[in-house]
Amino acid sequence: MEVKKRNYDLRELSKKHPNKWVALSSDHRNLIVVGDKLKDVVLKAKKKDAVFLKLLPSDSFYMPGTM
């Protein structure tokens, strides 16, 4: 199985909804639900192919590390 890597620009969403949980369509183009708690977003989304993530503030960044 080949995995295709794509970068999605989520800066506009981060500006509008900082520190919120969001449900996006599987193609990452459509916002389905926004909420403060993951549990609430999952219950409201009711889509099996939704992508869930927490948006960071637009002026911050995430850098994964190794141990």
PDB file of N, CA and C in Angstrom:
ATOM      1  N   MET A   1       0.846  -1.176   0.000  1.00  0.00           N
ATOM      2  CA  MET A   1       0.000   0.000   0.000  1.00  0.00           C
ATOM      3  C   MET A   1       0.891   1.238   0.000  1.00  0.00           C
ATOM      4  N   GLU A   2       0.655   2.119  -0.932  1.00  0.00           N
ATOM      5  CA  GLU A   2       1.442   3.343  -1.043  1.00  0.00           C
ATOM      6  C   GLU A   2       0.764   4.465  -0.260  1.00  0.00           C
ATOM      7  N   VAL A   3       1.542   5.180   0.501  1.00  0.00           N
ATOM      8  CA  VAL A   3       1.020   6.301   1.279  1.00  0.00           C
ATOM      9  C   VAL A   3       1.429   7.596   0.579  1.00  0.00           C
ATOM     10  N   LYS A   4       0.443   8.409   0.253  1.00  0.00           N
ATOM     11  CA  LYS A   4       0.733   9.693  -0.378  1.00  0.00           C
ATOM     12  C   LYS A   4       0.801  10.760   0.698  1.00  0.00           C
ATOM     13  N   LYS A   5       1.863  11.523   0.688  1.00  0.00           N
ATOM     14  CA  LYS A   5       2.038  12.584   1.671  1.00  0.00           C
ATOM     15  C   LYS A   5       1.615  13.905   1.040  1.00  0.00           C
ATOM     16  N   ARG A   6       0.776  14.627   1.759  1.00  0.00           N
ATOM     17  CA  ARG A   6       0.329  15.928   1.295  1.00  0.00           C
ATOM     18  C   ARG A   6       0.412  16.906   2.446  1.00  0.00           C
ATOM     19  N   ASN A   7       0.744  18.128   2.122  1.00  0.00           N
ATOM     20  CA  ASN A   7       0.753  19.194   3.116  1.00  0.00           C
ATOM     21  C   ASN A   7      -0.508  20.021   2.936  1.00  0.00           C
ATOM     22  N   TYR A   8      -1.217  20.248   4.016  1.00  0.00           N
ATOM     23  CA  TYR A   8      -2.438  21.037   3.979  1.00  0.00           C
ATOM     24  C   TYR A   8      -2.214  22.327   4.746  1.00  0.00           C
ATOM     25  N   ASP A   9      -2.611  23.430   4.172  1.00  0.00           N
ATOM     26  CA  ASP A   9      -2.440  24.729   4.800  1.00  0.00           C
ATOM     27  C   ASP A   9      -3.628  24.991   5.728  1.00  0.00           C
ATOM     28  N   LEU A  10      -3.395  24.897   7.012  1.00  0.00           N
ATOM     29  CA  LEU A  10      -4.450  25.069   8.005  1.00  0.00           C
ATOM     30  C   LEU A  10      -4.327  26.403   8.743  1.00  0.00           C
ATOM     31  N   ARG A  11      -3.552  27.337   8.199  1.00  0.00           N
ATOM     32  CA  ARG A  11      -3.332  28.617   8.884  1.00  0.00           C
ATOM     33  C   ARG A  11      -4.611  29.421   9.064  1.00  0.00           C
ATOM     34  N   GLU A  12      -5.462  29.477   8.052  1.00  0.00           N
ATOM     35  CA  GLU A  12      -6.711  30.249   8.168  1.00  0.00           C
ATOM     36  C   GLU A  12      -7.627  29.651   9.234  1.00  0.00           C
ATOM     37  N   LEU A  13      -7.719  28.321   9.255  1.00  0.00           N
ATOM     38  CA  LEU A  13      -8.524  27.674  10.295  1.00  0.00           C
ATOM     39  C   LEU A  13      -7.949  27.940  11.684  1.00  0.00           C
ATOM     40  N   SER A  14      -6.628  27.925  11.797  1.00  0.00           N
ATOM     41  CA  SER A  14      -5.988  28.182  13.091  1.00  0.00           C
ATOM     42  C   SER A  14      -6.244  29.604  13.570  1.00  0.00           C
ATOM     43  N   LYS A  15      -6.329  30.547  12.645  1.00  0.00           N
ATOM     44  CA  LYS A  15      -6.610  31.927  13.021  1.00  0.00           C
ATOM     45  C   LYS A  15      -8.053  32.079  13.515  1.00  0.00           C
ATOM     46  N   LYS A  16      -8.976  31.375  12.874  1.00  0.00           N
ATOM     47  CA  LYS A  16     -10.391  31.478  13.219  1.00  0.00           C
ATOM     48  C   LYS A  16     -10.759  30.657  14.450  1.00  0.00           C
ATOM     49  N   HIS A  17     -10.086  29.529  14.656  1.00  0.00           N
ATOM     50  CA  HIS A  17     -10.461  28.593  15.722  1.00  0.00           C
ATOM     51  C   HIS A  17      -9.238  28.113  16.516  1.00  0.00           C
ATOM     52  N   PRO A  18      -8.486  29.022  17.153  1.00  0.00           N
ATOM     53  CA  PRO A  18      -7.302  28.574  17.899  1.00  0.00           C
ATOM     54  C   PRO A  18      -7.688  27.730  19.117  1.00  0.00           C
ATOM     55  N   ASN A  19      -6.894  26.702  19.359  1.00  0.00           N
ATOM     56  CA  ASN A  19      -7.090  25.791  20.505  1.00  0.00           C
ATOM     57  C   ASN A  19      -8.443  25.101  20.489  1.00  0.00           C
ATOM     58  N   LYS A  20      -8.981  24.845  19.327  1.00  0.00           N
ATOM     59  CA  LYS A  20     -10.259  24.139  19.188  1.00  0.00           C
ATOM     60  C   LYS A  20     -10.031  22.809  18.485  1.00  0.00           C
ATOM     61  N   TRP A  21     -10.909  21.863  18.758  1.00  0.00           N
ATOM     62  CA  TRP A  21     -10.943  20.602  18.028  1.00  0.00           C
ATOM     63  C   TRP A  21     -11.812  20.801  16.792  1.00  0.00           C
ATOM     64  N   VAL A  22     -11.385  20.235  15.677  1.00  0.00           N
ATOM     65  CA  VAL A  22     -12.151  20.346  14.440  1.00  0.00           C
ATOM     66  C   VAL A  22     -12.286  18.975  13.791  1.00  0.00           C
ATOM     67  N   ALA A  23     -13.358  18.826  13.042  1.00  0.00           N
ATOM     68  CA  ALA A  23     -13.545  17.663  12.189  1.00  0.00           C
ATOM     69  C   ALA A  23     -13.528  18.173  10.756  1.00  0.00           C
ATOM     70  N   LEU A  24     -12.657  17.593   9.946  1.00  0.00           N
ATOM     71  CA  LEU A  24     -12.538  17.966   8.544  1.00  0.00           C
ATOM     72  C   LEU A  24     -12.965  16.800   7.668  1.00  0.00           C
ATOM     73  N   SER A  25     -13.377  17.099   6.452  1.00  0.00           N
ATOM     74  CA  SER A  25     -13.675  16.034   5.501  1.00  0.00           C
ATOM     75  C   SER A  25     -12.386  15.276   5.208  1.00  0.00           C
ATOM     76  N   SER A  26     -12.497  14.088   4.666  1.00  0.00           N
ATOM     77  CA  SER A  26     -11.318  13.249   4.446  1.00  0.00           C
ATOM     78  C   SER A  26     -10.316  13.875   3.478  1.00  0.00           C
ATOM     79  N   ASP A  27     -10.759  14.802   2.637  1.00  0.00           N
ATOM     80  CA  ASP A  27      -9.833  15.487   1.735  1.00  0.00           C
ATOM     81  C   ASP A  27      -9.263  16.764   2.349  1.00  0.00           C
ATOM     82  N   HIS A  28      -9.595  17.041   3.616  1.00  0.00           N
ATOM     83  CA  HIS A  28      -9.108  18.198   4.380  1.00  0.00           C
ATOM     84  C   HIS A  28      -9.560  19.542   3.811  1.00  0.00           C
ATOM     85  N   ARG A  29     -10.575  19.567   2.976  1.00  0.00           N
ATOM     86  CA  ARG A  29     -11.009  20.812   2.341  1.00  0.00           C
ATOM     87  C   ARG A  29     -12.231  21.434   3.009  1.00  0.00           C
ATOM     88  N   ASN A  30     -13.044  20.637   3.682  1.00  0.00           N
ATOM     89  CA  ASN A  30     -14.288  21.144   4.264  1.00  0.00           C
ATOM     90  C   ASN A  30     -14.301  20.971   5.776  1.00  0.00           C
ATOM     91  N   LEU A  31     -14.665  22.048   6.449  1.00  0.00           N
ATOM     92  CA  LEU A  31     -14.809  22.019   7.895  1.00  0.00           C
ATOM     93  C   LEU A  31     -16.200  21.488   8.231  1.00  0.00           C
ATOM     94  N   ILE A  32     -16.253  20.457   9.064  1.00  0.00           N
ATOM     95  CA  ILE A  32     -17.529  19.842   9.416  1.00  0.00           C
ATOM     96  C   ILE A  32     -18.036  20.378  10.744  1.00  0.00           C
ATOM     97  N   VAL A  33     -17.186  20.315  11.783  1.00  0.00           N
ATOM     98  CA  VAL A  33     -17.594  20.704  13.138  1.00  0.00           C
ATOM     99  C   VAL A  33     -16.407  21.337  13.864  1.00  0.00           C
ATOM    100  N   VAL A  34     -16.697  22.298  14.733  1.00  0.00           N
ATOM    101  CA  VAL A  34     -15.695  22.917  15.611  1.00  0.00           C
ATOM    102  C   VAL A  34     -16.199  22.799  17.040  1.00  0.00           C
ATOM    103  N   GLY A  35     -15.301  22.495  17.985  1.00  0.00           N
ATOM    104  CA  GLY A  35     -15.706  22.414  19.383  1.00  0.00           C
ATOM    105  C   GLY A  35     -14.531  22.481  20.332  1.00  0.00           C
ATOM    106  N   ASP A  36     -14.848  22.611  21.619  1.00  0.00           N
ATOM    107  CA  ASP A  36     -13.809  22.681  22.642  1.00  0.00           C
ATOM    108  C   ASP A  36     -13.310  21.309  23.068  1.00  0.00           C
ATOM    109  N   LYS A  37     -14.166  20.292  22.968  1.00  0.00           N
ATOM    110  CA  LYS A  37     -13.802  18.944  23.412  1.00  0.00           C
ATOM    111  C   LYS A  37     -13.892  17.972  22.243  1.00  0.00           C
ATOM    112  N   LEU A  38     -12.918  17.067  22.174  1.00  0.00           N
ATOM    113  CA  LEU A  38     -12.888  16.071  21.109  1.00  0.00           C
ATOM    114  C   LEU A  38     -14.156  15.226  21.120  1.00  0.00           C
ATOM    115  N   LYS A  39     -14.594  14.837  22.302  1.00  0.00           N
ATOM    116  CA  LYS A  39     -15.783  13.986  22.423  1.00  0.00           C
ATOM    117  C   LYS A  39     -16.996  14.648  21.760  1.00  0.00           C
ATOM    118  N   ASP A  40     -17.183  15.942  21.998  1.00  0.00           N
ATOM    119  CA  ASP A  40     -18.314  16.656  21.407  1.00  0.00           C
ATOM    120  C   ASP A  40     -18.207  16.737  19.889  1.00  0.00           C
ATOM    121  N   VAL A  41     -17.005  16.968  19.398  1.00  0.00           N
ATOM    122  CA  VAL A  41     -16.798  17.074  17.951  1.00  0.00           C
ATOM    123  C   VAL A  41     -17.072  15.733  17.276  1.00  0.00           C
ATOM    124  N   VAL A  42     -16.606  14.653  17.885  1.00  0.00           N
ATOM    125  CA  VAL A  42     -16.832  13.311  17.321  1.00  0.00           C
ATOM    126  C   VAL A  42     -18.328  13.003  17.281  1.00  0.00           C
ATOM    127  N   LEU A  43     -19.033  13.316  18.340  1.00  0.00           N
ATOM    128  CA  LEU A  43     -20.473  13.037  18.378  1.00  0.00           C
ATOM    129  C   LEU A  43     -21.248  13.870  17.354  1.00  0.00           C
ATOM    130  N   LYS A  44     -20.839  15.115  17.157  1.00  0.00           N
ATOM    131  CA  LYS A  44     -21.529  15.979  16.203  1.00  0.00           C
ATOM    132  C   LYS A  44     -21.181  15.652  14.755  1.00  0.00           C
ATOM    133  N   ALA A  45     -19.965  15.179  14.508  1.00  0.00           N
ATOM    134  CA  ALA A  45     -19.513  14.926  13.137  1.00  0.00           C
ATOM    135  C   ALA A  45     -20.290  13.767  12.502  1.00  0.00           C
ATOM    136  N   LYS A  46     -20.436  12.668  13.222  1.00  0.00           N
ATOM    137  CA  LYS A  46     -21.186  11.505  12.756  1.00  0.00           C
ATOM    138  C   LYS A  46     -20.768  11.039  11.359  1.00  0.00           C
ATOM    139  N   LYS A  47     -19.525  11.267  10.995  1.00  0.00           N
ATOM    140  CA  LYS A  47     -19.012  10.802   9.708  1.00  0.00           C
ATOM    141  C   LYS A  47     -17.850   9.858   9.974  1.00  0.00           C
ATOM    142  N   LYS A  48     -17.869   8.713   9.349  1.00  0.00           N
ATOM    143  CA  LYS A  48     -16.812   7.741   9.564  1.00  0.00           C
ATOM    144  C   LYS A  48     -15.505   8.143   8.896  1.00  0.00           C
ATOM    145  N   ASP A  49     -15.578   8.947   7.856  1.00  0.00           N
ATOM    146  CA  ASP A  49     -14.367   9.323   7.139  1.00  0.00           C
ATOM    147  C   ASP A  49     -13.848  10.709   7.511  1.00  0.00           C
ATOM    148  N   ALA A  50     -14.292  11.253   8.635  1.00  0.00           N
ATOM    149  CA  ALA A  50     -13.837  12.571   9.080  1.00  0.00           C
ATOM    150  C   ALA A  50     -12.437  12.483   9.669  1.00  0.00           C
ATOM    151  N   VAL A  51     -11.703  13.577   9.577  1.00  0.00           N
ATOM    152  CA  VAL A  51     -10.368  13.693  10.154  1.00  0.00           C
ATOM    153  C   VAL A  51     -10.473  14.660  11.328  1.00  0.00           C
ATOM    154  N   PHE A  52     -10.012  14.222  12.500  1.00  0.00           N
ATOM    155  CA  PHE A  52     -10.111  15.029  13.711  1.00  0.00           C
ATOM    156  C   PHE A  52      -8.730  15.533  14.104  1.00  0.00           C
ATOM    157  N   LEU A  53      -8.657  16.811  14.459  1.00  0.00           N
ATOM    158  CA  LEU A  53      -7.398  17.352  14.937  1.00  0.00           C
ATOM    159  C   LEU A  53      -7.626  18.587  15.784  1.00  0.00           C
ATOM    160  N   LYS A  54      -6.646  18.890  16.617  1.00  0.00           N
ATOM    161  CA  LYS A  54      -6.721  20.086  17.442  1.00  0.00           C
ATOM    162  C   LYS A  54      -5.850  21.146  16.791  1.00  0.00           C
ATOM    163  N   LEU A  55      -6.439  22.306  16.568  1.00  0.00           N
ATOM    164  CA  LEU A  55      -5.712  23.403  15.938  1.00  0.00           C
ATOM    165  C   LEU A  55      -4.922  24.178  16.975  1.00  0.00           C
ATOM    166  N   LEU A  56      -3.680  24.433  16.681  1.00  0.00           N
ATOM    167  CA  LEU A  56      -2.845  25.271  17.527  1.00  0.00           C
ATOM    168  C   LEU A  56      -3.074  26.734  17.153  1.00  0.00           C
ATOM    169  N   PRO A  57      -2.748  27.659  18.030  1.00  0.00           N
ATOM    170  CA  PRO A  57      -2.835  29.064  17.645  1.00  0.00           C
ATOM    171  C   PRO A  57      -1.933  29.331  16.435  1.00  0.00           C
ATOM    172  N   SER A  58      -2.320  30.262  15.597  1.00  0.00           N
ATOM    173  CA  SER A  58      -1.579  30.504  14.359  1.00  0.00           C
ATOM    174  C   SER A  58      -0.165  31.027  14.607  1.00  0.00           C
ATOM    175  N   ASP A  59       0.104  31.570  15.783  1.00  0.00           N
ATOM    176  CA  ASP A  59       1.444  32.083  16.061  1.00  0.00           C
ATOM    177  C   ASP A  59       2.334  31.066  16.778  1.00  0.00           C
ATOM    178  N   SER A  60       1.921  29.810  16.831  1.00  0.00           N
ATOM    179  CA  SER A  60       2.736  28.768  17.452  1.00  0.00           C
ATOM    180  C   SER A  60       3.078  27.699  16.420  1.00  0.00           C
ATOM    181  N   PHE A  61       3.870  26.737  16.829  1.00  0.00           N
ATOM    182  CA  PHE A  61       4.226  25.653  15.924  1.00  0.00           C
ATOM    183  C   PHE A  61       4.403  24.365  16.708  1.00  0.00           C
ATOM    184  N   TYR A  62       4.420  23.270  15.977  1.00  0.00           N
ATOM    185  CA  TYR A  62       4.597  21.943  16.570  1.00  0.00           C
ATOM    186  C   TYR A  62       5.776  21.290  15.896  1.00  0.00           C
ATOM    187  N   MET A  63       6.700  20.779  16.690  1.00  0.00           N
ATOM    188  CA  MET A  63       7.841  20.082  16.142  1.00  0.00           C
ATOM    189  C   MET A  63       7.968  18.746  16.870  1.00  0.00           C
ATOM    190  N   PRO A  64       7.668  17.651  16.184  1.00  0.00           N
ATOM    191  CA  PRO A  64       7.769  16.355  16.851  1.00  0.00           C
ATOM    192  C   PRO A  64       9.232  16.049  17.197  1.00  0.00           C
ATOM    193  N   GLY A  65       9.418  15.335  18.256  1.00  0.00           N
ATOM    194  CA  GLY A  65      10.765  14.978  18.679  1.00  0.00           C
ATOM    195  C   GLY A  65      10.893  13.482  18.876  1.00  0.00           C
ATOM    196  N   THR A  66      12.086  13.053  19.105  1.00  0.00           N
ATOM    197  CA  THR A  66      12.339  11.630  19.373  1.00  0.00           C
ATOM    198  C   THR A  66      12.938  11.503  20.760  1.00  0.00           C
ATOM    199  N   MET A  67      12.757  10.356  21.336  1.00  0.00           N
ATOM    200  CA  MET A  67      13.299  10.126  22.674  1.00  0.00           C
ATOM    201  C   MET A  67      14.451   9.163  22.600  1.00  0.00           C
TER     202      MET A  67
END
